[in-house]
């Protein structure tokens, strides 16, 4: 009787475990099958860029890094690269400072306005960049008029426009992160313990959406480093405009700089994936220990 009881109590627990194992195995196979074509889709153009940028000038000699070394010898390219990196950082910080508090406040106090905020944040996706530039043109004329002479031609002032361009992508990433946590419960618990709204935002909400914030920042950096239309039409020399101008005199140098920018974005992407996995691992370990 005891053996029958033991068998009845242990058999149902073994079946879900085997089912989970088969599901996990199928998921890994499915991911591997999808990873190969996607990896080729991104890797082949990057390898082609590196291969072209390392060719010798006579096309028959050995591989050379002449074009890559020429990047450091070109002050215009280095200035455009520096300004674009600074512009990416400023755009990411300003967009996060605008979106994160607004989205949290709407979820807590004004839930009826959530659709309105979502519509406004996604609106730049439906408006062509050319139309946006027509509206931004007079604004940037005033910006150039009131800024000092050493800053009037710097592409850093484009962060006003780029914050609007990155809003749809950052909103989606932050919204996914906020949906994964109970913002109301966390904020009410912190407020009941005497925490102010700044403390709630900085020490309670933000640590729980770090992965979403990093994803949003990466999307912002990728968009800023790859944006050409707005900067070109507003006559600012960012990285992509400098690459286009360099291609008119030396295609190899422009290709090398384009490959370097893509490698930089891919390195950021992989660093972000490992960082997110490292942050999620302790929670999984705790759940396994509890089981």
Protein backbone atom coordinates (compact mmCIF):
# COMPACT_ATOMS: atom_id res chain seq x y z
CA UNK A 1 0.00 0.00 0.00
CA UNK A 2 2.83 2.35 0.84
CA UNK A 3 4.55 1.55 -2.46
CA UNK A 4 1.38 2.32 -4.39
CA UNK A 5 0.98 5.58 -2.53
CA UNK A 6 4.58 6.56 -3.25
CA UNK A 7 4.15 5.73 -6.94
CA UNK A 8 0.96 7.77 -7.18
CA UNK A 9 2.54 10.79 -5.53
CA UNK A 10 5.79 10.75 -7.49
CA UNK A 11 4.50 9.91 -10.98
CA UNK A 12 2.71 13.21 -11.68
CA UNK A 13 5.82 15.16 -10.70
CA UNK A 14 8.04 13.21 -13.13
CA UNK A 15 5.87 13.86 -16.18
CA UNK A 16 6.01 17.68 -16.13
CA UNK A 17 9.77 17.51 -15.60
CA UNK A 18 10.21 15.37 -18.72
CA UNK A 19 7.88 17.65 -20.64
CA UNK A 20 9.88 20.68 -19.59
CA UNK A 21 13.08 18.96 -20.69
CA UNK A 22 11.68 18.19 -24.14
CA UNK A 23 10.32 21.72 -24.47
CA UNK A 24 13.67 23.21 -23.48
CA UNK A 25 15.46 20.98 -26.01
CA UNK A 26 13.08 21.98 -28.80
CA UNK A 27 13.49 25.63 -27.88
CA UNK A 28 17.28 25.36 -28.10
CA UNK A 29 17.06 23.65 -31.50
CA UNK A 30 14.62 26.28 -32.76
CA UNK A 31 16.92 29.07 -31.58
CA UNK A 32 19.92 27.44 -33.23
CA UNK A 33 18.05 27.06 -36.54
CA UNK A 34 17.02 30.71 -36.47
CA UNK A 35 20.42 31.93 -35.30
CA UNK A 36 22.31 30.64 -38.35
CA UNK A 37 20.45 32.60 -41.09
CA UNK A 38 20.27 35.72 -38.95
CA UNK A 39 23.98 35.49 -38.17
CA UNK A 40 24.77 35.12 -41.85
CA UNK A 41 22.47 38.03 -42.71
CA UNK A 42 24.46 40.35 -40.43
CA UNK A 43 27.92 38.79 -40.69
CA UNK A 44 28.28 38.50 -44.48
CA UNK A 45 27.99 42.27 -45.20
CA UNK A 46 30.32 43.06 -42.29
CA UNK A 47 32.90 40.53 -43.49
CA UNK A 48 32.60 41.98 -47.00
CA UNK A 49 33.29 45.48 -45.65
CA UNK A 50 36.35 44.30 -43.74
CA UNK A 51 37.58 42.33 -46.76
CA UNK A 52 37.22 45.32 -49.08
CA UNK A 53 38.84 47.75 -46.61
CA UNK A 54 41.92 45.52 -46.24
CA UNK A 55 42.67 45.17 -49.94
CA UNK A 56 45.86 46.66 -51.29
CA UNK A 57 45.66 49.55 -53.71
CA UNK A 58 46.86 47.44 -56.67
CA UNK A 59 44.33 44.65 -55.84
CA UNK A 60 47.03 41.99 -56.23
CA UNK A 61 49.24 42.62 -53.23
CA UNK A 62 48.90 41.33 -49.67
CA UNK A 63 46.31 42.50 -47.18
CA UNK A 64 46.96 45.90 -45.66
CA UNK A 65 45.52 48.19 -43.00
CA UNK A 66 46.31 51.33 -44.96
CA UNK A 67 42.69 52.46 -45.12
CA UNK A 68 42.19 51.84 -41.41
CA UNK A 69 45.29 53.84 -40.52
CA UNK A 70 44.06 56.65 -42.76
CA UNK A 71 41.10 57.16 -40.45
CA UNK A 72 43.43 58.36 -37.69
CA UNK A 73 45.19 60.69 -40.12
CA UNK A 74 41.97 62.45 -41.13
CA UNK A 75 40.95 65.14 -38.59
CA UNK A 76 37.53 65.63 -40.21
CA UNK A 77 36.62 61.96 -39.76
CA UNK A 78 37.84 61.90 -36.17
CA UNK A 79 35.87 65.05 -35.37
CA UNK A 80 32.71 63.62 -36.94
CA UNK A 81 33.19 60.35 -35.05
CA UNK A 82 33.71 62.16 -31.74
CA UNK A 83 30.69 64.41 -32.27
CA UNK A 84 28.49 61.47 -33.26
CA UNK A 85 29.46 59.48 -30.17
CA UNK A 86 28.81 62.51 -27.97
CA UNK A 87 25.52 63.09 -29.77
CA UNK A 88 24.51 59.45 -29.17
CA UNK A 89 25.20 59.74 -25.44
CA UNK A 90 23.34 63.03 -25.07
CA UNK A 91 20.37 61.76 -27.08
CA UNK A 92 20.11 58.59 -25.00
CA UNK A 93 20.32 60.42 -21.68
CA UNK A 94 17.82 63.14 -22.61
CA UNK A 95 15.33 60.64 -24.09
CA UNK A 96 15.54 58.44 -20.99
CA UNK A 97 15.06 61.41 -18.68
CA UNK A 98 11.93 62.33 -20.62
CA UNK A 99 10.40 58.91 -21.16
CA UNK A 100 11.06 56.92 -17.98
CA UNK A 101 9.48 59.37 -15.47
CA UNK A 102 6.63 60.14 -17.87
CA UNK A 103 5.78 56.49 -18.50
CA UNK A 104 5.94 55.60 -14.81
CA UNK A 105 3.81 58.59 -13.82
CA UNK A 106 1.21 57.78 -16.47
CA UNK A 107 0.99 54.19 -15.25
CA UNK A 108 0.55 55.29 -11.64
CA UNK A 109 -1.56 58.44 -11.83
CA UNK A 110 -2.96 58.86 -15.34
CA UNK A 111 -3.65 55.41 -16.82
CA UNK A 112 -6.31 56.84 -19.15
CA UNK A 113 -3.62 58.85 -20.94
CA UNK A 114 -1.47 55.82 -21.67
CA UNK A 115 -2.82 55.43 -25.20
CA UNK A 116 -2.34 59.12 -25.87
CA UNK A 117 1.29 59.03 -24.73
CA UNK A 118 1.88 55.90 -26.79
CA UNK A 119 0.39 57.56 -29.87
CA UNK A 120 2.56 60.66 -29.45
CA UNK A 121 5.72 58.60 -28.95
CA UNK A 122 5.04 56.41 -32.00
CA UNK A 123 3.99 59.31 -34.21
CA UNK A 124 7.52 60.01 -35.61
CA UNK A 125 7.41 56.59 -37.29
CA UNK A 126 4.55 57.72 -39.51
CA UNK A 127 6.10 61.03 -40.58
CA UNK A 128 8.85 60.94 -43.25
CA UNK A 129 12.21 62.40 -42.26
CA UNK A 130 11.99 64.91 -45.12
CA UNK A 131 8.76 66.33 -43.69
CA UNK A 132 10.30 66.54 -40.23
CA UNK A 133 13.31 68.41 -41.60
CA UNK A 134 11.04 70.97 -43.25
CA UNK A 135 9.56 71.73 -39.85
CA UNK A 136 12.89 71.65 -38.04
CA UNK A 137 14.64 73.92 -40.55
CA UNK A 138 13.45 77.27 -39.12
CA UNK A 139 14.05 76.04 -35.57
CA UNK A 140 17.66 75.20 -36.33
CA UNK A 141 18.14 78.54 -38.01
CA UNK A 142 17.28 80.14 -34.67
CA UNK A 143 19.53 77.67 -32.85
CA UNK A 144 22.44 78.59 -35.11
CA UNK A 145 21.68 82.28 -34.56
CA UNK A 146 21.72 82.10 -30.76
CA UNK A 147 24.56 79.59 -30.27
CA UNK A 148 28.22 80.70 -30.15
CA UNK A 149 30.21 80.56 -33.36
CA UNK A 150 32.25 77.52 -32.32
CA UNK A 151 29.08 75.50 -31.72
CA UNK A 152 26.80 76.64 -34.55
CA UNK A 153 28.14 74.00 -36.96
CA UNK A 154 28.53 71.19 -34.43
CA UNK A 155 26.18 68.24 -35.02
CA UNK A 156 25.72 67.90 -31.24
CA UNK A 157 22.78 70.33 -31.48
CA UNK A 158 20.96 67.66 -33.48
CA UNK A 159 20.00 65.94 -30.23
CA UNK A 160 16.79 68.02 -30.24
CA UNK A 161 15.71 66.24 -33.41
CA UNK A 162 17.21 62.86 -32.58
CA UNK A 163 15.35 62.62 -29.28
CA UNK A 164 12.14 62.71 -31.31
CA UNK A 165 13.45 60.15 -33.80
CA UNK A 166 14.44 57.62 -31.12
CA UNK A 167 11.24 57.96 -29.09
CA UNK A 168 9.26 55.17 -30.85
CA UNK A 169 12.02 52.61 -30.36
CA UNK A 170 12.84 53.61 -26.81
CA UNK A 171 9.17 53.69 -25.86
CA UNK A 172 8.62 50.10 -27.01
CA UNK A 173 11.65 48.84 -25.13
CA UNK A 174 10.80 50.69 -21.91
CA UNK A 175 7.14 49.70 -22.14
CA UNK A 176 8.12 46.02 -22.31
CA UNK A 177 10.32 46.45 -19.25
CA UNK A 178 7.60 48.21 -17.26
CA UNK A 179 5.02 45.57 -18.18
CA UNK A 180 7.29 42.89 -16.70
CA UNK A 181 7.10 44.41 -13.19
CA UNK A 182 4.32 45.59 -10.90
CA UNK A 183 5.07 49.32 -10.88
CA UNK A 184 2.13 50.24 -8.66
CA UNK A 185 2.90 47.70 -5.93
CA UNK A 186 6.59 48.55 -5.86
CA UNK A 187 5.99 52.30 -5.70
CA UNK A 188 3.27 52.02 -3.04
CA UNK A 189 5.47 49.77 -0.90
CA UNK A 190 8.36 52.22 -1.15
CA UNK A 191 6.12 55.20 -0.43
CA UNK A 192 4.67 53.46 2.63
CA UNK A 193 8.21 53.13 3.97
CA UNK A 194 8.77 56.88 3.63
CA UNK A 195 10.60 57.03 0.29
CA UNK A 196 10.14 60.10 -1.89
CA UNK A 197 9.26 59.95 -5.57
CA UNK A 198 12.87 60.55 -6.58
CA UNK A 199 14.00 57.63 -4.39
CA UNK A 200 11.22 55.43 -5.75
CA UNK A 201 12.26 56.18 -9.31
CA UNK A 202 16.01 55.87 -8.76
CA UNK A 203 16.26 53.00 -6.28
CA UNK A 204 13.10 50.97 -6.83
CA UNK A 205 11.80 51.28 -10.41
CA UNK A 206 15.03 51.85 -12.31
CA UNK A 207 16.96 48.81 -10.95
CA UNK A 208 14.09 46.56 -12.08
CA UNK A 209 14.12 47.83 -15.67
CA UNK A 210 17.88 48.02 -16.21
CA UNK A 211 17.74 45.60 -19.14
CA UNK A 212 14.99 47.64 -20.81
CA UNK A 213 16.96 50.86 -20.27
CA UNK A 214 20.09 49.32 -21.76
CA UNK A 215 18.12 48.01 -24.75
CA UNK A 216 16.58 51.43 -25.31
CA UNK A 217 19.99 53.09 -25.05
CA UNK A 218 21.49 50.66 -27.55
CA UNK A 219 18.69 51.36 -30.03
CA UNK A 220 19.28 55.07 -29.58
CA UNK A 221 23.04 54.75 -30.15
CA UNK A 222 22.51 52.59 -33.25
CA UNK A 223 20.03 55.06 -34.73
CA UNK A 224 22.18 58.12 -34.05
CA UNK A 225 25.35 56.55 -35.46
CA UNK A 226 23.49 55.45 -38.60
CA UNK A 227 21.35 58.54 -39.25
CA UNK A 228 22.12 60.43 -42.47
CA UNK A 229 19.03 62.17 -43.86
CA UNK A 230 18.33 64.71 -41.13
CA UNK A 231 21.98 65.67 -40.63
CA UNK A 232 22.59 66.00 -44.36
CA UNK A 233 19.52 68.15 -45.05
CA UNK A 234 20.25 70.38 -42.04
CA UNK A 235 23.92 70.74 -43.14
CA UNK A 236 25.57 69.12 -40.13
CA UNK A 237 28.56 66.79 -40.51
CA UNK A 238 27.84 63.73 -38.41
CA UNK A 239 29.48 60.31 -38.90
CA UNK A 240 27.36 59.19 -41.86
CA UNK A 241 27.70 62.52 -43.66
CA UNK A 242 31.48 62.38 -43.16
CA UNK A 243 31.55 58.83 -44.54
CA UNK A 244 29.57 59.94 -47.60
CA UNK A 245 31.91 62.86 -48.20
CA UNK A 246 34.98 60.67 -47.71
CA UNK A 247 33.66 58.18 -50.27
CA UNK A 248 33.99 60.84 -52.95
CA UNK A 249 37.78 60.94 -52.49
CA UNK A 250 38.64 57.52 -51.02
CA UNK A 251 36.13 54.67 -51.00
CA UNK A 252 38.42 52.40 -48.99
CA UNK A 253 38.63 54.79 -46.04
CA UNK A 254 34.87 55.33 -45.97
CA UNK A 255 34.27 51.56 -46.05
CA UNK A 256 36.75 51.04 -43.22
CA UNK A 257 35.02 53.67 -41.11
CA UNK A 258 31.61 52.14 -41.84
CA UNK A 259 32.91 48.72 -40.81
CA UNK A 260 34.39 50.17 -37.61
CA UNK A 261 31.07 51.78 -36.67
CA UNK A 262 29.17 48.51 -37.29
CA UNK A 263 31.67 46.53 -35.23
CA UNK A 264 31.28 49.05 -32.42
CA UNK A 265 27.48 48.62 -32.42
CA UNK A 266 27.78 44.81 -32.51
CA UNK A 267 30.21 44.85 -29.58
CA UNK A 268 27.72 46.96 -27.62
CA UNK A 269 24.95 44.50 -28.51
CA UNK A 270 26.91 41.46 -27.31
CA UNK A 271 28.01 43.25 -24.15
CA UNK A 272 24.39 44.12 -23.44
CA UNK A 273 23.24 40.52 -23.97
CA UNK A 274 25.86 39.15 -21.58
CA UNK A 275 25.08 41.84 -19.03
CA UNK A 276 21.35 41.07 -19.15
CA UNK A 277 22.03 37.33 -18.82
CA UNK A 278 24.31 37.94 -15.83
CA UNK A 279 21.64 39.98 -14.09
CA UNK A 280 18.90 37.40 -14.68
CA UNK A 281 20.92 34.39 -13.56
CA UNK A 282 20.63 34.81 -9.76
CA UNK A 283 16.82 34.85 -9.93
CA UNK A 284 16.79 31.61 -11.91
CA UNK A 285 19.21 29.99 -9.48
CA UNK A 286 17.01 31.00 -6.57
CA UNK A 287 13.94 29.47 -8.23
CA UNK A 288 15.80 26.20 -8.86
CA UNK A 289 16.97 26.06 -5.27
CA UNK A 290 13.44 26.60 -4.01
CA UNK A 291 12.18 23.72 -6.17
